[in-house]
Amino acid sequence: MAEVVRAFAVESIVTAAHDFDEMVDLLALSRPFERSAGMTMACKIATLPLRDAITLVVEDWADDKFRQLSAVIVRRSAPAIRSFEEIRHLYETAEIAPAT
């Protein structure tokens, strides 16, 4: 049953249309030793186009797996993107899609 649910989730990722120019918020978890008193676990990194956010996570954070795996992209038009697997898939899709 879990494989059927996973296959459906991956299929929905593949078939979903994305506006790569949509402005999104990129969040990442802070490491426990980086937090000071009163600091939240998730930090807003930037507000930028979806295409730039996924490129930042995949390319610029390639040497920081913790940051890649904790990245969350918050969209206004759809649910947040919470998995690195989905971000990586969008990255591959964005490379094919023409920039506007």
PDB file of N, CA and C in Angstrom:
ATOM      1  N   MET A   1       0.820  -1.199   0.000  1.00  0.00           N
ATOM      2  CA  MET A   1       0.000   0.000   0.000  1.00  0.00           C
ATOM      3  C   MET A   1       0.859   1.257   0.000  1.00  0.00           C
ATOM      4  N   ALA A   2       1.953   1.236   0.781  1.00  0.00           N
ATOM      5  CA  ALA A   2       2.832   2.399   0.849  1.00  0.00           C
ATOM      6  C   ALA A   2       3.445   2.715  -0.509  1.00  0.00           C
ATOM      7  N   GLU A   3       3.745   1.658  -1.288  1.00  0.00           N
ATOM      8  CA  GLU A   3       4.331   1.880  -2.610  1.00  0.00           C
ATOM      9  C   GLU A   3       3.328   2.540  -3.549  1.00  0.00           C
ATOM     10  N   VAL A   4       2.052   2.192  -3.425  1.00  0.00           N
ATOM     11  CA  VAL A   4       1.011   2.794  -4.259  1.00  0.00           C
ATOM     12  C   VAL A   4       0.884   4.277  -3.937  1.00  0.00           C
ATOM     13  N   VAL A   5       0.882   4.613  -2.638  1.00  0.00           N
ATOM     14  CA  VAL A   5       0.801   6.012  -2.221  1.00  0.00           C
ATOM     15  C   VAL A   5       2.014   6.773  -2.710  1.00  0.00           C
ATOM     16  N   ARG A   6       3.207   6.185  -2.562  1.00  0.00           N
ATOM     17  CA  ARG A   6       4.441   6.838  -3.011  1.00  0.00           C
ATOM     18  C   ARG A   6       4.426   7.037  -4.524  1.00  0.00           C
ATOM     19  N   ALA A   7       3.982   6.026  -5.265  1.00  0.00           N
ATOM     20  CA  ALA A   7       3.917   6.144  -6.724  1.00  0.00           C
ATOM     21  C   ALA A   7       2.957   7.262  -7.121  1.00  0.00           C
ATOM     22  N   PHE A   8       1.814   7.363  -6.425  1.00  0.00           N
ATOM     23  CA  PHE A   8       0.864   8.434  -6.708  1.00  0.00           C
ATOM     24  C   PHE A   8       1.480   9.789  -6.410  1.00  0.00           C
ATOM     25  N   ALA A   9       2.212   9.906  -5.288  1.00  0.00           N
ATOM     26  CA  ALA A   9       2.842  11.176  -4.913  1.00  0.00           C
ATOM     27  C   ALA A   9       3.866  11.593  -5.958  1.00  0.00           C
ATOM     28  N   VAL A  10       4.682  10.660  -6.422  1.00  0.00           N
ATOM     29  CA  VAL A  10       5.685  10.980  -7.438  1.00  0.00           C
ATOM     30  C   VAL A  10       4.999  11.364  -8.738  1.00  0.00           C
ATOM     31  N   GLU A  11       3.915  10.661  -9.087  1.00  0.00           N
ATOM     32  CA  GLU A  11       3.179  10.988 -10.306  1.00  0.00           C
ATOM     33  C   GLU A  11       2.596  12.391 -10.224  1.00  0.00           C
ATOM     34  N   SER A  12       2.081  12.779  -9.071  1.00  0.00           N
ATOM     35  CA  SER A  12       1.512  14.119  -8.943  1.00  0.00           C
ATOM     36  C   SER A  12       2.593  15.176  -9.045  1.00  0.00           C
ATOM     37  N   ILE A  13       3.799  14.858  -8.595  1.00  0.00           N
ATOM     38  CA  ILE A  13       4.912  15.793  -8.734  1.00  0.00           C
ATOM     39  C   ILE A  13       5.233  15.989 -10.208  1.00  0.00           C
ATOM     40  N   VAL A  14       5.248  14.900 -10.952  1.00  0.00           N
ATOM     41  CA  VAL A  14       5.611  14.946 -12.364  1.00  0.00           C
ATOM     42  C   VAL A  14       4.565  15.692 -13.178  1.00  0.00           C
ATOM     43  N   THR A  15       3.285  15.513 -12.853  1.00  0.00           N
ATOM     44  CA  THR A  15       2.236  16.097 -13.679  1.00  0.00           C
ATOM     45  C   THR A  15       1.854  17.517 -13.273  1.00  0.00           C
ATOM     46  N   ALA A  16       2.279  17.976 -12.121  1.00  0.00           N
ATOM     47  CA  ALA A  16       1.912  19.318 -11.668  1.00  0.00           C
ATOM     48  C   ALA A  16       2.625  20.374 -12.507  1.00  0.00           C
ATOM     49  N   ALA A  17       1.903  21.432 -12.836  1.00  0.00           N
ATOM     50  CA  ALA A  17       2.490  22.540 -13.581  1.00  0.00           C
ATOM     51  C   ALA A  17       2.990  23.578 -12.587  1.00  0.00           C
ATOM     52  N   HIS A  18       4.146  24.123 -12.864  1.00  0.00           N
ATOM     53  CA  HIS A  18       4.736  25.101 -11.950  1.00  0.00           C
ATOM     54  C   HIS A  18       5.072  26.374 -12.703  1.00  0.00           C
ATOM     55  N   ASP A  19       4.816  27.493 -12.062  1.00  0.00           N
ATOM     56  CA  ASP A  19       5.213  28.789 -12.591  1.00  0.00           C
ATOM     57  C   ASP A  19       6.572  29.095 -11.988  1.00  0.00           C
ATOM     58  N   PHE A  20       7.624  28.902 -12.758  1.00  0.00           N
ATOM     59  CA  PHE A  20       8.978  29.061 -12.238  1.00  0.00           C
ATOM     60  C   PHE A  20       9.339  30.517 -11.972  1.00  0.00           C
ATOM     61  N   ASP A  21       8.487  31.449 -12.394  1.00  0.00           N
ATOM     62  CA  ASP A  21       8.727  32.870 -12.125  1.00  0.00           C
ATOM     63  C   ASP A  21       7.943  33.363 -10.911  1.00  0.00           C
ATOM     64  N   GLU A  22       7.138  32.490 -10.302  1.00  0.00           N
ATOM     65  CA  GLU A  22       6.372  32.860  -9.106  1.00  0.00           C
ATOM     66  C   GLU A  22       7.326  33.208  -7.958  1.00  0.00           C
ATOM     67  N   MET A  23       7.027  34.279  -7.253  1.00  0.00           N
ATOM     68  CA  MET A  23       7.839  34.666  -6.094  1.00  0.00           C
ATOM     69  C   MET A  23       7.508  33.751  -4.916  1.00  0.00           C
ATOM     70  N   VAL A  24       8.531  33.192  -4.295  1.00  0.00           N
ATOM     71  CA  VAL A  24       8.368  32.251  -3.183  1.00  0.00           C
ATOM     72  C   VAL A  24       9.285  32.654  -2.045  1.00  0.00           C
ATOM     73  N   ASP A  25       8.997  32.114  -0.869  1.00  0.00           N
ATOM     74  CA  ASP A  25       9.880  32.292   0.287  1.00  0.00           C
ATOM     75  C   ASP A  25      10.664  31.009   0.476  1.00  0.00           C
ATOM     76  N   LEU A  26      11.972  31.131   0.631  1.00  0.00           N
ATOM     77  CA  LEU A  26      12.837  29.987   0.884  1.00  0.00           C
ATOM     78  C   LEU A  26      13.171  29.974   2.369  1.00  0.00           C
ATOM     79  N   LEU A  27      12.841  28.865   3.020  1.00  0.00           N
ATOM     80  CA  LEU A  27      13.118  28.693   4.444  1.00  0.00           C
ATOM     81  C   LEU A  27      14.092  27.541   4.631  1.00  0.00           C
ATOM     82  N   ALA A  28      14.823  27.570   5.728  1.00  0.00           N
ATOM     83  CA  ALA A  28      15.697  26.454   6.093  1.00  0.00           C
ATOM     84  C   ALA A  28      15.759  26.374   7.608  1.00  0.00           C
ATOM     85  N   LEU A  29      15.908  25.167   8.108  1.00  0.00           N
ATOM     86  CA  LEU A  29      16.048  24.984   9.548  1.00  0.00           C
ATOM     87  C   LEU A  29      17.438  25.434   9.982  1.00  0.00           C
ATOM     88  N   SER A  30      17.496  26.038  11.140  1.00  0.00           N
ATOM     89  CA  SER A  30      18.807  26.375  11.696  1.00  0.00           C
ATOM     90  C   SER A  30      19.285  25.186  12.522  1.00  0.00           C
ATOM     91  N   ARG A  31      20.568  24.999  12.571  1.00  0.00           N
ATOM     92  CA  ARG A  31      21.124  23.910  13.372  1.00  0.00           C
ATOM     93  C   ARG A  31      20.973  24.270  14.851  1.00  0.00           C
ATOM     94  N   PRO A  32      20.797  23.269  15.699  1.00  0.00           N
ATOM     95  CA  PRO A  32      20.607  23.555  17.130  1.00  0.00           C
ATOM     96  C   PRO A  32      21.722  24.411  17.736  1.00  0.00           C
ATOM     97  N   PHE A  33      22.963  24.191  17.332  1.00  0.00           N
ATOM     98  CA  PHE A  33      24.059  24.957  17.913  1.00  0.00           C
ATOM     99  C   PHE A  33      24.148  26.382  17.360  1.00  0.00           C
ATOM    100  N   GLU A  34      23.404  26.673  16.280  1.00  0.00           N
ATOM    101  CA  GLU A  34      23.385  28.018  15.713  1.00  0.00           C
ATOM    102  C   GLU A  34      22.307  28.900  16.338  1.00  0.00           C
ATOM    103  N   ARG A  35      21.355  28.282  17.037  1.00  0.00           N
ATOM    104  CA  ARG A  35      20.241  29.025  17.613  1.00  0.00           C
ATOM    105  C   ARG A  35      20.633  29.710  18.908  1.00  0.00           C
ATOM    106  N   SER A  36      20.161  30.918  19.068  1.00  0.00           N
ATOM    107  CA  SER A  36      20.318  31.615  20.344  1.00  0.00           C
ATOM    108  C   SER A  36      18.957  31.644  21.028  1.00  0.00           C
ATOM    109  N   ALA A  37      18.909  32.102  22.236  1.00  0.00           N
ATOM    110  CA  ALA A  37      17.653  32.148  22.979  1.00  0.00           C
ATOM    111  C   ALA A  37      16.618  32.956  22.214  1.00  0.00           C
ATOM    112  N   GLY A  38      15.434  32.404  22.067  1.00  0.00           N
ATOM    113  CA  GLY A  38      14.343  33.098  21.386  1.00  0.00           C
ATOM    114  C   GLY A  38      14.355  32.964  19.876  1.00  0.00           C
ATOM    115  N   MET A  39      15.346  32.318  19.293  1.00  0.00           N
ATOM    116  CA  MET A  39      15.424  32.160  17.841  1.00  0.00           C
ATOM    117  C   MET A  39      14.590  30.962  17.413  1.00  0.00           C
ATOM    118  N   THR A  40      13.837  31.117  16.351  1.00  0.00           N
ATOM    119  CA  THR A  40      13.000  30.023  15.872  1.00  0.00           C
ATOM    120  C   THR A  40      13.835  29.000  15.121  1.00  0.00           C
ATOM    121  N   MET A  41      13.247  27.824  14.937  1.00  0.00           N
ATOM    122  CA  MET A  41      13.963  26.761  14.234  1.00  0.00           C
ATOM    123  C   MET A  41      14.081  27.039  12.744  1.00  0.00           C
ATOM    124  N   ALA A  42      13.039  27.560  12.122  1.00  0.00           N
ATOM    125  CA  ALA A  42      13.075  27.836  10.684  1.00  0.00           C
ATOM    126  C   ALA A  42      13.417  29.302  10.452  1.00  0.00           C
ATOM    127  N   CYS A  43      14.302  29.527   9.517  1.00  0.00           N
ATOM    128  CA  CYS A  43      14.716  30.891   9.184  1.00  0.00           C
ATOM    129  C   CYS A  43      14.360  31.181   7.731  1.00  0.00           C
ATOM    130  N   LYS A  44      13.861  32.385   7.478  1.00  0.00           N
ATOM    131  CA  LYS A  44      13.605  32.809   6.104  1.00  0.00           C
ATOM    132  C   LYS A  44      14.948  33.206   5.501  1.00  0.00           C
ATOM    133  N   ILE A  45      15.283  32.573   4.409  1.00  0.00           N
ATOM    134  CA  ILE A  45      16.549  32.846   3.730  1.00  0.00           C
ATOM    135  C   ILE A  45      16.383  33.977   2.733  1.00  0.00           C
ATOM    136  N   ALA A  46      15.318  33.887   1.915  1.00  0.00           N
ATOM    137  CA  ALA A  46      15.117  34.907   0.878  1.00  0.00           C
ATOM    138  C   ALA A  46      13.730  34.775   0.272  1.00  0.00           C
ATOM    139  N   THR A  47      13.314  35.834  -0.423  1.00  0.00           N
ATOM    140  CA  THR A  47      12.127  35.804  -1.281  1.00  0.00           C
ATOM    141  C   THR A  47      12.647  36.003  -2.694  1.00  0.00           C
ATOM    142  N   LEU A  48      12.385  35.028  -3.548  1.00  0.00           N
ATOM    143  CA  LEU A  48      12.916  35.055  -4.907  1.00  0.00           C
ATOM    144  C   LEU A  48      12.053  34.182  -5.809  1.00  0.00           C
ATOM    145  N   PRO A  49      12.270  34.255  -7.132  1.00  0.00           N
ATOM    146  CA  PRO A  49      11.496  33.413  -8.047  1.00  0.00           C
ATOM    147  C   PRO A  49      11.748  31.926  -7.769  1.00  0.00           C
ATOM    148  N   LEU A  50      10.739  31.106  -8.012  1.00  0.00           N
ATOM    149  CA  LEU A  50      10.841  29.669  -7.771  1.00  0.00           C
ATOM    150  C   LEU A  50      12.064  29.075  -8.453  1.00  0.00           C
ATOM    151  N   ARG A  51      12.315  29.453  -9.701  1.00  0.00           N
ATOM    152  CA  ARG A  51      13.468  28.920 -10.437  1.00  0.00           C
ATOM    153  C   ARG A  51      14.773  29.196  -9.688  1.00  0.00           C
ATOM    154  N   ASP A  52      14.927  30.400  -9.148  1.00  0.00           N
ATOM    155  CA  ASP A  52      16.143  30.761  -8.417  1.00  0.00           C
ATOM    156  C   ASP A  52      16.228  30.036  -7.074  1.00  0.00           C
ATOM    157  N   ALA A  53      15.080  29.843  -6.432  1.00  0.00           N
ATOM    158  CA  ALA A  53      15.067  29.158  -5.129  1.00  0.00           C
ATOM    159  C   ALA A  53      15.514  27.708  -5.278  1.00  0.00           C
ATOM    160  N   ILE A  54      14.995  27.012  -6.275  1.00  0.00           N
ATOM    161  CA  ILE A  54      15.390  25.611  -6.434  1.00  0.00           C
ATOM    162  C   ILE A  54      16.843  25.491  -6.886  1.00  0.00           C
ATOM    163  N   THR A  55      17.311  26.440  -7.684  1.00  0.00           N
ATOM    164  CA  THR A  55      18.717  26.435  -8.097  1.00  0.00           C
ATOM    165  C   THR A  55      19.624  26.675  -6.895  1.00  0.00           C
ATOM    166  N   LEU A  56      19.241  27.588  -6.025  1.00  0.00           N
ATOM    167  CA  LEU A  56      20.016  27.863  -4.816  1.00  0.00           C
ATOM    168  C   LEU A  56      20.125  26.616  -3.950  1.00  0.00           C
ATOM    169  N   VAL A  57      19.009  25.927  -3.739  1.00  0.00           N
ATOM    170  CA  VAL A  57      19.011  24.730  -2.888  1.00  0.00           C
ATOM    171  C   VAL A  57      19.868  23.624  -3.500  1.00  0.00           C
ATOM    172  N   VAL A  58      19.712  23.365  -4.788  1.00  0.00           N
ATOM    173  CA  VAL A  58      20.410  22.246  -5.426  1.00  0.00           C
ATOM    174  C   VAL A  58      21.881  22.557  -5.696  1.00  0.00           C
ATOM    175  N   GLU A  59      22.184  23.721  -6.238  1.00  0.00           N
ATOM    176  CA  GLU A  59      23.566  24.031  -6.629  1.00  0.00           C
ATOM    177  C   GLU A  59      24.379  24.673  -5.512  1.00  0.00           C
ATOM    178  N   ASP A  60      23.882  25.773  -4.969  1.00  0.00           N
ATOM    179  CA  ASP A  60      24.667  26.527  -3.999  1.00  0.00           C
ATOM    180  C   ASP A  60      24.807  25.813  -2.662  1.00  0.00           C
ATOM    181  N   TRP A  61      23.810  25.010  -2.305  1.00  0.00           N
ATOM    182  CA  TRP A  61      23.873  24.288  -1.029  1.00  0.00           C
ATOM    183  C   TRP A  61      24.337  22.840  -1.212  1.00  0.00           C
ATOM    184  N   ALA A  62      24.947  22.519  -2.345  1.00  0.00           N
ATOM    185  CA  ALA A  62      25.356  21.141  -2.636  1.00  0.00           C
ATOM    186  C   ALA A  62      26.305  20.580  -1.590  1.00  0.00           C
ATOM    187  N   ASP A  63      27.098  21.421  -0.972  1.00  0.00           N
ATOM    188  CA  ASP A  63      28.054  20.942   0.035  1.00  0.00           C
ATOM    189  C   ASP A  63      27.469  20.936   1.451  1.00  0.00           C
ATOM    190  N   ASP A  64      26.185  21.266   1.593  1.00  0.00           N
ATOM    191  CA  ASP A  64      25.532  21.321   2.904  1.00  0.00           C
ATOM    192  C   ASP A  64      24.245  20.501   2.858  1.00  0.00           C
ATOM    193  N   LYS A  65      24.376  19.199   3.056  1.00  0.00           N
ATOM    194  CA  LYS A  65      23.221  18.289   2.941  1.00  0.00           C
ATOM    195  C   LYS A  65      22.153  18.607   3.988  1.00  0.00           C
ATOM    196  N   PHE A  66      22.544  19.022   5.194  1.00  0.00           N
ATOM    197  CA  PHE A  66      21.553  19.377   6.209  1.00  0.00           C
ATOM    198  C   PHE A  66      20.653  20.491   5.693  1.00  0.00           C
ATOM    199  N   ARG A  67      21.259  21.503   5.115  1.00  0.00           N
ATOM    200  CA  ARG A  67      20.478  22.635   4.613  1.00  0.00           C
ATOM    201  C   ARG A  67      19.605  22.211   3.438  1.00  0.00           C
ATOM    202  N   GLN A  68      20.137  21.382   2.537  1.00  0.00           N
ATOM    203  CA  GLN A  68      19.335  20.904   1.414  1.00  0.00           C
ATOM    204  C   GLN A  68      18.116  20.122   1.895  1.00  0.00           C
ATOM    205  N   LEU A  69      18.331  19.225   2.841  1.00  0.00           N
ATOM    206  CA  LEU A  69      17.244  18.376   3.314  1.00  0.00           C
ATOM    207  C   LEU A  69      16.236  19.128   4.173  1.00  0.00           C
ATOM    208  N   SER A  70      16.648  20.259   4.742  1.00  0.00           N
ATOM    209  CA  SER A  70      15.727  21.019   5.591  1.00  0.00           C
ATOM    210  C   SER A  70      15.062  22.181   4.852  1.00  0.00           C
ATOM    211  N   ALA A  71      15.378  22.356   3.586  1.00  0.00           N
ATOM    212  CA  ALA A  71      14.813  23.464   2.813  1.00  0.00           C
ATOM    213  C   ALA A  71      13.310  23.297   2.614  1.00  0.00           C
ATOM    214  N   VAL A  72      12.607  24.405   2.723  1.00  0.00           N
ATOM    215  CA  VAL A  72      11.168  24.454   2.463  1.00  0.00           C
ATOM    216  C   VAL A  72      10.919  25.666   1.573  1.00  0.00           C
ATOM    217  N   ILE A  73      10.196  25.447   0.484  1.00  0.00           N
ATOM    218  CA  ILE A  73       9.841  26.539  -0.417  1.00  0.00           C
ATOM    219  C   ILE A  73       8.350  26.797  -0.246  1.00  0.00           C
ATOM    220  N   VAL A  74       8.014  27.997   0.215  1.00  0.00           N
ATOM    221  CA  VAL A  74       6.630  28.362   0.490  1.00  0.00           C
ATOM    222  C   VAL A  74       6.086  29.150  -0.695  1.00  0.00           C
ATOM    223  N   ARG A  75       5.060  28.563  -1.344  1.00  0.00           N
ATOM    224  CA  ARG A  75       4.416  29.198  -2.486  1.00  0.00           C
ATOM    225  C   ARG A  75       3.063  29.739  -2.056  1.00  0.00           C
ATOM    226  N   ARG A  76       2.606  30.790  -2.697  1.00  0.00           N
ATOM    227  CA  ARG A  76       1.293  31.332  -2.399  1.00  0.00           C
ATOM    228  C   ARG A  76       0.213  30.620  -3.207  1.00  0.00           C
ATOM    229  N   SER A  77       0.585  30.033  -4.337  1.00  0.00           N
ATOM    230  CA  SER A  77      -0.380  29.429  -5.254  1.00  0.00           C
ATOM    231  C   SER A  77      -0.640  27.954  -4.985  1.00  0.00           C
ATOM    232  N   ALA A  78       0.140  27.331  -4.133  1.00  0.00           N
ATOM    233  CA  ALA A  78       0.022  25.884  -3.903  1.00  0.00           C
ATOM    234  C   ALA A  78       0.678  25.541  -2.564  1.00  0.00           C
ATOM    235  N   PRO A  79       0.547  24.287  -2.147  1.00  0.00           N
ATOM    236  CA  PRO A  79       1.196  23.892  -0.885  1.00  0.00           C
ATOM    237  C   PRO A  79       2.710  24.053  -0.955  1.00  0.00           C
ATOM    238  N   ALA A  80       3.307  24.183   0.214  1.00  0.00           N
ATOM    239  CA  ALA A  80       4.759  24.329   0.297  1.00  0.00           C
ATOM    240  C   ALA A  80       5.458  23.078  -0.231  1.00  0.00           C
ATOM    241  N   ILE A  81       6.651  23.280  -0.760  1.00  0.00           N
ATOM    242  CA  ILE A  81       7.488  22.177  -1.227  1.00  0.00           C
ATOM    243  C   ILE A  81       8.421  21.849  -0.071  1.00  0.00           C
ATOM    244  N   ARG A  82       8.265  20.656   0.504  1.00  0.00           N
ATOM    245  CA  ARG A  82       8.980  20.316   1.728  1.00  0.00           C
ATOM    246  C   ARG A  82      10.034  19.229   1.559  1.00  0.00           C
ATOM    247  N   SER A  83      10.085  18.565   0.431  1.00  0.00           N
ATOM    248  CA  SER A  83      11.052  17.472   0.292  1.00  0.00           C
ATOM    249  C   SER A  83      12.144  17.845  -0.713  1.00  0.00           C
ATOM    250  N   PHE A  84      13.360  17.438  -0.396  1.00  0.00           N
ATOM    251  CA  PHE A  84      14.469  17.703  -1.306  1.00  0.00           C
ATOM    252  C   PHE A  84      14.281  16.927  -2.607  1.00  0.00           C
ATOM    253  N   GLU A  85      13.635  15.775  -2.530  1.00  0.00           N
ATOM    254  CA  GLU A  85      13.360  14.982  -3.737  1.00  0.00           C
ATOM    255  C   GLU A  85      12.509  15.790  -4.718  1.00  0.00           C
ATOM    256  N   GLU A  86      11.485  16.454  -4.202  1.00  0.00           N
ATOM    257  CA  GLU A  86      10.627  17.268  -5.075  1.00  0.00           C
ATOM    258  C   GLU A  86      11.386  18.492  -5.588  1.00  0.00           C
ATOM    259  N   ILE A  87      12.196  19.102  -4.743  1.00  0.00           N
ATOM    260  CA  ILE A  87      13.000  20.258  -5.178  1.00  0.00           C
ATOM    261  C   ILE A  87      13.953  19.841  -6.282  1.00  0.00           C
ATOM    262  N   ARG A  88      14.599  18.686  -6.121  1.00  0.00           N
ATOM    263  CA  ARG A  88      15.529  18.192  -7.146  1.00  0.00           C
ATOM    264  C   ARG A  88      14.784  17.906  -8.448  1.00  0.00           C
ATOM    265  N   HIS A  89      13.580  17.343  -8.354  1.00  0.00           N
ATOM    266  CA  HIS A  89      12.786  17.078  -9.563  1.00  0.00           C
ATOM    267  C   HIS A  89      12.424  18.389 -10.255  1.00  0.00           C
ATOM    268  N   LEU A  90      12.020  19.389  -9.484  1.00  0.00           N
ATOM    269  CA  LEU A  90      11.698  20.698 -10.066  1.00  0.00           C
ATOM    270  C   LEU A  90      12.921  21.317 -10.722  1.00  0.00           C
ATOM    271  N   TYR A  91      14.080  21.119 -10.124  1.00  0.00           N
ATOM    272  CA  TYR A  91      15.338  21.626 -10.693  1.00  0.00           C
ATOM    273  C   TYR A  91      15.561  21.041 -12.092  1.00  0.00           C
ATOM    274  N   GLU A  92      15.346  19.729 -12.210  1.00  0.00           N
ATOM    275  CA  GLU A  92      15.508  19.085 -13.515  1.00  0.00           C
ATOM    276  C   GLU A  92      14.477  19.592 -14.513  1.00  0.00           C
ATOM    277  N   THR A  93      13.250  19.829 -14.050  1.00  0.00           N
ATOM    278  CA  THR A  93      12.196  20.357 -14.903  1.00  0.00           C
ATOM    279  C   THR A  93      12.509  21.792 -15.321  1.00  0.00           C
ATOM    280  N   ALA A  94      13.014  22.586 -14.384  1.00  0.00           N
ATOM    281  CA  ALA A  94      13.322  23.992 -14.668  1.00  0.00           C
ATOM    282  C   ALA A  94      14.438  24.131 -15.689  1.00  0.00           C
ATOM    283  N   GLU A  95      15.365  23.173 -15.715  1.00  0.00           N
ATOM    284  CA  GLU A  95      16.439  23.217 -16.702  1.00  0.00           C
ATOM    285  C   GLU A  95      15.895  23.053 -18.111  1.00  0.00           C
ATOM    286  N   ILE A  96      14.792  22.315 -18.245  1.00  0.00           N
ATOM    287  CA  ILE A  96      14.165  22.087 -19.554  1.00  0.00           C
ATOM    288  C   ILE A  96      13.252  23.238 -19.930  1.00  0.00           C
ATOM    289  N   ALA A  97      12.538  23.769 -18.929  1.00  0.00           N
ATOM    290  CA  ALA A  97      11.567  24.848 -19.179  1.00  0.00           C
ATOM    291  C   ALA A  97      12.301  26.144 -19.539  1.00  0.00           C
ATOM    292  N   PRO A  98      11.817  26.868 -20.536  1.00  0.00           N
ATOM    293  CA  PRO A  98      12.468  28.135 -20.902  1.00  0.00           C
ATOM    294  C   PRO A  98      12.223  29.204 -19.845  1.00  0.00           C
ATOM    295  N   ALA A  99      13.235  30.005 -19.584  1.00  0.00           N
ATOM    296  CA  ALA A  99      13.095  31.141 -18.647  1.00  0.00           C
ATOM    297  C   ALA A  99      12.371  32.270 -19.373  1.00  0.00           C
ATOM    298  N   THR A 100      11.518  32.984 -18.631  1.00  0.00           N
ATOM    299  CA  THR A 100      10.794  34.087 -19.272  1.00  0.00           C
ATOM    300  C   THR A 100      11.408  35.405 -18.898  1.00  0.00           C
TER     301      THR A 100
END
